[in-house]
Amino acid sequence: MDKRRPEPSLDDLLDDPILHAVLARDGLTVEEVRRFLNEMKQRLRPVRKAA
């Protein structure tokens, strides 16, 4: 975690073994969560209109 930011980064959270245990309990993996987040980032990215 960066001392300039009081909150952990997404990478810090996804590297946390406790989160891994919670995800495993729910039948998920960190890679599945990363893929989902990347897909949502792509979908939510504004579409540029042709000039």
PDB file of N, CA and C in Angstrom:
ATOM      1  N   MET A   1       0.849  -1.182   0.000  1.00  0.00           N
ATOM      2  CA  MET A   1       0.000   0.000   0.000  1.00  0.00           C
ATOM      3  C   MET A   1       0.886   1.234   0.000  1.00  0.00           C
ATOM      4  N   ASP A   2       0.489   2.198  -0.772  1.00  0.00           N
ATOM      5  CA  ASP A   2       1.207   3.458  -0.908  1.00  0.00           C
ATOM      6  C   ASP A   2       0.869   4.356   0.277  1.00  0.00           C
ATOM      7  N   LYS A   3       1.878   4.931   0.912  1.00  0.00           N
ATOM      8  CA  LYS A   3       1.646   5.777   2.093  1.00  0.00           C
ATOM      9  C   LYS A   3       0.918   7.071   1.742  1.00  0.00           C
ATOM     10  N   ARG A   4       0.942   7.462   0.471  1.00  0.00           N
ATOM     11  CA  ARG A   4       0.242   8.680   0.068  1.00  0.00           C
ATOM     12  C   ARG A   4      -1.253   8.437  -0.080  1.00  0.00           C
ATOM     13  N   ARG A   5      -1.639   7.186  -0.246  1.00  0.00           N
ATOM     14  CA  ARG A   5      -3.057   6.833  -0.374  1.00  0.00           C
ATOM     15  C   ARG A   5      -3.455   6.013   0.842  1.00  0.00           C
ATOM     16  N   PRO A   6      -4.489   6.416   1.552  1.00  0.00           N
ATOM     17  CA  PRO A   6      -4.873   5.685   2.759  1.00  0.00           C
ATOM     18  C   PRO A   6      -5.559   4.353   2.473  1.00  0.00           C
ATOM     19  N   GLU A   7      -5.967   4.117   1.231  1.00  0.00           N
ATOM     20  CA  GLU A   7      -6.672   2.894   0.883  1.00  0.00           C
ATOM     21  C   GLU A   7      -5.779   1.991   0.042  1.00  0.00           C
ATOM     22  N   PRO A   8      -5.931   0.677   0.203  1.00  0.00           N
ATOM     23  CA  PRO A   8      -5.121  -0.241  -0.607  1.00  0.00           C
ATOM     24  C   PRO A   8      -5.543  -0.185  -2.073  1.00  0.00           C
ATOM     25  N   SER A   9      -4.600  -0.491  -2.941  1.00  0.00           N
ATOM     26  CA  SER A   9      -4.913  -0.553  -4.367  1.00  0.00           C
ATOM     27  C   SER A   9      -5.697  -1.834  -4.648  1.00  0.00           C
ATOM     28  N   LEU A  10      -6.286  -1.909  -5.813  1.00  0.00           N
ATOM     29  CA  LEU A  10      -7.008  -3.112  -6.209  1.00  0.00           C
ATOM     30  C   LEU A  10      -6.061  -4.306  -6.243  1.00  0.00           C
ATOM     31  N   ASP A  11      -4.846  -4.098  -6.729  1.00  0.00           N
ATOM     32  CA  ASP A  11      -3.862  -5.190  -6.740  1.00  0.00           C
ATOM     33  C   ASP A  11      -3.547  -5.665  -5.330  1.00  0.00           C
ATOM     34  N   ASP A  12      -3.422  -4.723  -4.389  1.00  0.00           N
ATOM     35  CA  ASP A  12      -3.177  -5.109  -2.990  1.00  0.00           C
ATOM     36  C   ASP A  12      -4.325  -5.975  -2.471  1.00  0.00           C
ATOM     37  N   LEU A  13      -5.548  -5.555  -2.759  1.00  0.00           N
ATOM     38  CA  LEU A  13      -6.711  -6.320  -2.297  1.00  0.00           C
ATOM     39  C   LEU A  13      -6.761  -7.705  -2.917  1.00  0.00           C
ATOM     40  N   LEU A  14      -6.484  -7.777  -4.219  1.00  0.00           N
ATOM     41  CA  LEU A  14      -6.557  -9.063  -4.903  1.00  0.00           C
ATOM     42  C   LEU A  14      -5.389  -9.983  -4.549  1.00  0.00           C
ATOM     43  N   ASP A  15      -4.357  -9.459  -3.933  1.00  0.00           N
ATOM     44  CA  ASP A  15      -3.228 -10.279  -3.473  1.00  0.00           C
ATOM     45  C   ASP A  15      -3.413 -10.757  -2.036  1.00  0.00           C
ATOM     46  N   ASP A  16      -4.458 -10.318  -1.375  1.00  0.00           N
ATOM     47  CA  ASP A  16      -4.683 -10.639   0.038  1.00  0.00           C
ATOM     48  C   ASP A  16      -5.172 -12.083   0.205  1.00  0.00           C
ATOM     49  N   PRO A  17      -4.490 -12.888   1.015  1.00  0.00           N
ATOM     50  CA  PRO A  17      -4.886 -14.289   1.207  1.00  0.00           C
ATOM     51  C   PRO A  17      -6.286 -14.435   1.823  1.00  0.00           C
ATOM     52  N   ILE A  18      -6.710 -13.478   2.608  1.00  0.00           N
ATOM     53  CA  ILE A  18      -8.058 -13.559   3.179  1.00  0.00           C
ATOM     54  C   ILE A  18      -9.091 -13.422   2.064  1.00  0.00           C
ATOM     55  N   LEU A  19      -8.865 -12.499   1.136  1.00  0.00           N
ATOM     56  CA  LEU A  19      -9.773 -12.359  -0.004  1.00  0.00           C
ATOM     57  C   LEU A  19      -9.773 -13.641  -0.830  1.00  0.00           C
ATOM     58  N   HIS A  20      -8.617 -14.265  -0.998  1.00  0.00           N
ATOM     59  CA  HIS A  20      -8.545 -15.527  -1.736  1.00  0.00           C
ATOM     60  C   HIS A  20      -9.440 -16.575  -1.083  1.00  0.00           C
ATOM     61  N   ALA A  21      -9.422 -16.635   0.242  1.00  0.00           N
ATOM     62  CA  ALA A  21     -10.248 -17.613   0.971  1.00  0.00           C
ATOM     63  C   ALA A  21     -11.739 -17.317   0.775  1.00  0.00           C
ATOM     64  N   VAL A  22     -12.108 -16.048   0.832  1.00  0.00           N
ATOM     65  CA  VAL A  22     -13.514 -15.668   0.640  1.00  0.00           C
ATOM     66  C   VAL A  22     -13.954 -16.001  -0.785  1.00  0.00           C
ATOM     67  N   LEU A  23     -13.120 -15.684  -1.755  1.00  0.00           N
ATOM     68  CA  LEU A  23     -13.447 -15.992  -3.143  1.00  0.00           C
ATOM     69  C   LEU A  23     -13.593 -17.504  -3.345  1.00  0.00           C
ATOM     70  N   ALA A  24     -12.680 -18.273  -2.777  1.00  0.00           N
ATOM     71  CA  ALA A  24     -12.729 -19.730  -2.908  1.00  0.00           C
ATOM     72  C   ALA A  24     -14.012 -20.282  -2.281  1.00  0.00           C
ATOM     73  N   ARG A  25     -14.399 -19.738  -1.155  1.00  0.00           N
ATOM     74  CA  ARG A  25     -15.641 -20.163  -0.505  1.00  0.00           C
ATOM     75  C   ARG A  25     -16.830 -19.927  -1.426  1.00  0.00           C
ATOM     76  N   ASP A  26     -16.764 -18.847  -2.200  1.00  0.00           N
ATOM     77  CA  ASP A  26     -17.847 -18.495  -3.114  1.00  0.00           C
ATOM     78  C   ASP A  26     -17.674 -19.117  -4.499  1.00  0.00           C
ATOM     79  N   GLY A  27     -16.655 -19.952  -4.650  1.00  0.00           N
ATOM     80  CA  GLY A  27     -16.438 -20.637  -5.920  1.00  0.00           C
ATOM     81  C   GLY A  27     -15.817 -19.765  -7.002  1.00  0.00           C
ATOM     82  N   LEU A  28     -15.090 -18.728  -6.600  1.00  0.00           N
ATOM     83  CA  LEU A  28     -14.451 -17.812  -7.542  1.00  0.00           C
ATOM     84  C   LEU A  28     -12.942 -17.857  -7.390  1.00  0.00           C
ATOM     85  N   THR A  29     -12.255 -17.340  -8.412  1.00  0.00           N
ATOM     86  CA  THR A  29     -10.801 -17.182  -8.344  1.00  0.00           C
ATOM     87  C   THR A  29     -10.451 -15.717  -8.557  1.00  0.00           C
ATOM     88  N   VAL A  30      -9.260 -15.362  -8.175  1.00  0.00           N
ATOM     89  CA  VAL A  30      -8.784 -13.994  -8.392  1.00  0.00           C
ATOM     90  C   VAL A  30      -8.768 -13.688  -9.889  1.00  0.00           C
ATOM     91  N   GLU A  31      -8.367 -14.653 -10.696  1.00  0.00           N
ATOM     92  CA  GLU A  31      -8.319 -14.430 -12.140  1.00  0.00           C
ATOM     93  C   GLU A  31      -9.706 -14.150 -12.701  1.00  0.00           C
ATOM     94  N   GLU A  32     -10.723 -14.829 -12.209  1.00  0.00           N
ATOM     95  CA  GLU A  32     -12.094 -14.555 -12.660  1.00  0.00           C
ATOM     96  C   GLU A  32     -12.513 -13.132 -12.297  1.00  0.00           C
ATOM     97  N   VAL A  33     -12.155 -12.705 -11.105  1.00  0.00           N
ATOM     98  CA  VAL A  33     -12.493 -11.342 -10.672  1.00  0.00           C
ATOM     99  C   VAL A  33     -11.753 -10.332 -11.538  1.00  0.00           C
ATOM    100  N   ARG A  34     -10.482 -10.570 -11.810  1.00  0.00           N
ATOM    101  CA  ARG A  34      -9.717  -9.654 -12.671  1.00  0.00           C
ATOM    102  C   ARG A  34     -10.325  -9.571 -14.072  1.00  0.00           C
ATOM    103  N   ARG A  35     -10.700 -10.723 -14.635  1.00  0.00           N
ATOM    104  CA  ARG A  35     -11.325 -10.723 -15.967  1.00  0.00           C
ATOM    105  C   ARG A  35     -12.632  -9.938 -15.953  1.00  0.00           C
ATOM    106  N   PHE A  36     -13.450 -10.149 -14.919  1.00  0.00           N
ATOM    107  CA  PHE A  36     -14.706  -9.421 -14.800  1.00  0.00           C
ATOM    108  C   PHE A  36     -14.456  -7.913 -14.723  1.00  0.00           C
ATOM    109  N   LEU A  37     -13.517  -7.502 -13.895  1.00  0.00           N
ATOM    110  CA  LEU A  37     -13.233  -6.076 -13.746  1.00  0.00           C
ATOM    111  C   LEU A  37     -12.714  -5.470 -15.043  1.00  0.00           C
ATOM    112  N   ASN A  38     -11.860  -6.201 -15.749  1.00  0.00           N
ATOM    113  CA  ASN A  38     -11.353  -5.706 -17.038  1.00  0.00           C
ATOM    114  C   ASN A  38     -12.478  -5.586 -18.061  1.00  0.00           C
ATOM    115  N   GLU A  39     -13.386  -6.555 -18.066  1.00  0.00           N
ATOM    116  CA  GLU A  39     -14.522  -6.487 -18.990  1.00  0.00           C
ATOM    117  C   GLU A  39     -15.403  -5.286 -18.669  1.00  0.00           C
ATOM    118  N   MET A  40     -15.675  -5.055 -17.400  1.00  0.00           N
ATOM    119  CA  MET A  40     -16.510  -3.914 -17.014  1.00  0.00           C
ATOM    120  C   MET A  40     -15.821  -2.591 -17.357  1.00  0.00           C
ATOM    121  N   LYS A  41     -14.508  -2.549 -17.188  1.00  0.00           N
ATOM    122  CA  LYS A  41     -13.759  -1.335 -17.538  1.00  0.00           C
ATOM    123  C   LYS A  41     -13.906  -1.034 -19.027  1.00  0.00           C
ATOM    124  N   GLN A  42     -13.839  -2.087 -19.852  1.00  0.00           N
ATOM    125  CA  GLN A  42     -13.996  -1.901 -21.291  1.00  0.00           C
ATOM    126  C   GLN A  42     -15.414  -1.438 -21.631  1.00  0.00           C
ATOM    127  N   ARG A  43     -16.401  -2.038 -21.002  1.00  0.00           N
ATOM    128  CA  ARG A  43     -17.797  -1.684 -21.289  1.00  0.00           C
ATOM    129  C   ARG A  43     -18.138  -0.272 -20.847  1.00  0.00           C
ATOM    130  N   LEU A  44     -17.539   0.161 -19.763  1.00  0.00           N
ATOM    131  CA  LEU A  44     -17.860   1.477 -19.215  1.00  0.00           C
ATOM    132  C   LEU A  44     -17.012   2.599 -19.803  1.00  0.00           C
ATOM    133  N   ARG A  45     -16.004   2.244 -20.583  1.00  0.00           N
ATOM    134  CA  ARG A  45     -15.152   3.252 -21.214  1.00  0.00           C
ATOM    135  C   ARG A  45     -15.999   4.047 -22.211  1.00  0.00           C
ATOM    136  N   PRO A  46     -15.918   5.353 -22.158  1.00  0.00           N
ATOM    137  CA  PRO A  46     -16.720   6.159 -23.105  1.00  0.00           C
ATOM    138  C   PRO A  46     -16.323   5.850 -24.545  1.00  0.00           C
ATOM    139  N   VAL A  47     -17.315   5.806 -25.399  1.00  0.00           N
ATOM    140  CA  VAL A  47     -17.076   5.568 -26.819  1.00  0.00           C
ATOM    141  C   VAL A  47     -16.820   6.914 -27.480  1.00  0.00           C
ATOM    142  N   ARG A  48     -15.722   6.993 -28.205  1.00  0.00           N
ATOM    143  CA  ARG A  48     -15.389   8.251 -28.913  1.00  0.00           C
ATOM    144  C   ARG A  48     -16.137   8.284 -30.240  1.00  0.00           C
ATOM    145  N   LYS A  49     -16.786   9.395 -30.481  1.00  0.00           N
ATOM    146  CA  LYS A  49     -17.504   9.566 -31.739  1.00  0.00           C
ATOM    147  C   LYS A  49     -16.546  10.037 -32.821  1.00  0.00           C
ATOM    148  N   ALA A  50     -16.745   9.547 -34.022  1.00  0.00           N
ATOM    149  CA  ALA A  50     -15.909   9.967 -35.154  1.00  0.00           C
ATOM    150  C   ALA A  50     -16.184  11.435 -35.473  1.00  0.00           C
ATOM    151  N   ALA A  51     -15.118  12.165 -35.729  1.00  0.00           N
ATOM    152  CA  ALA A  51     -15.280  13.597 -36.013  1.00  0.00           C
ATOM    153  C   ALA A  51     -15.589  13.857 -37.452  1.00  0.00           C
TER     154      ALA A  51
END
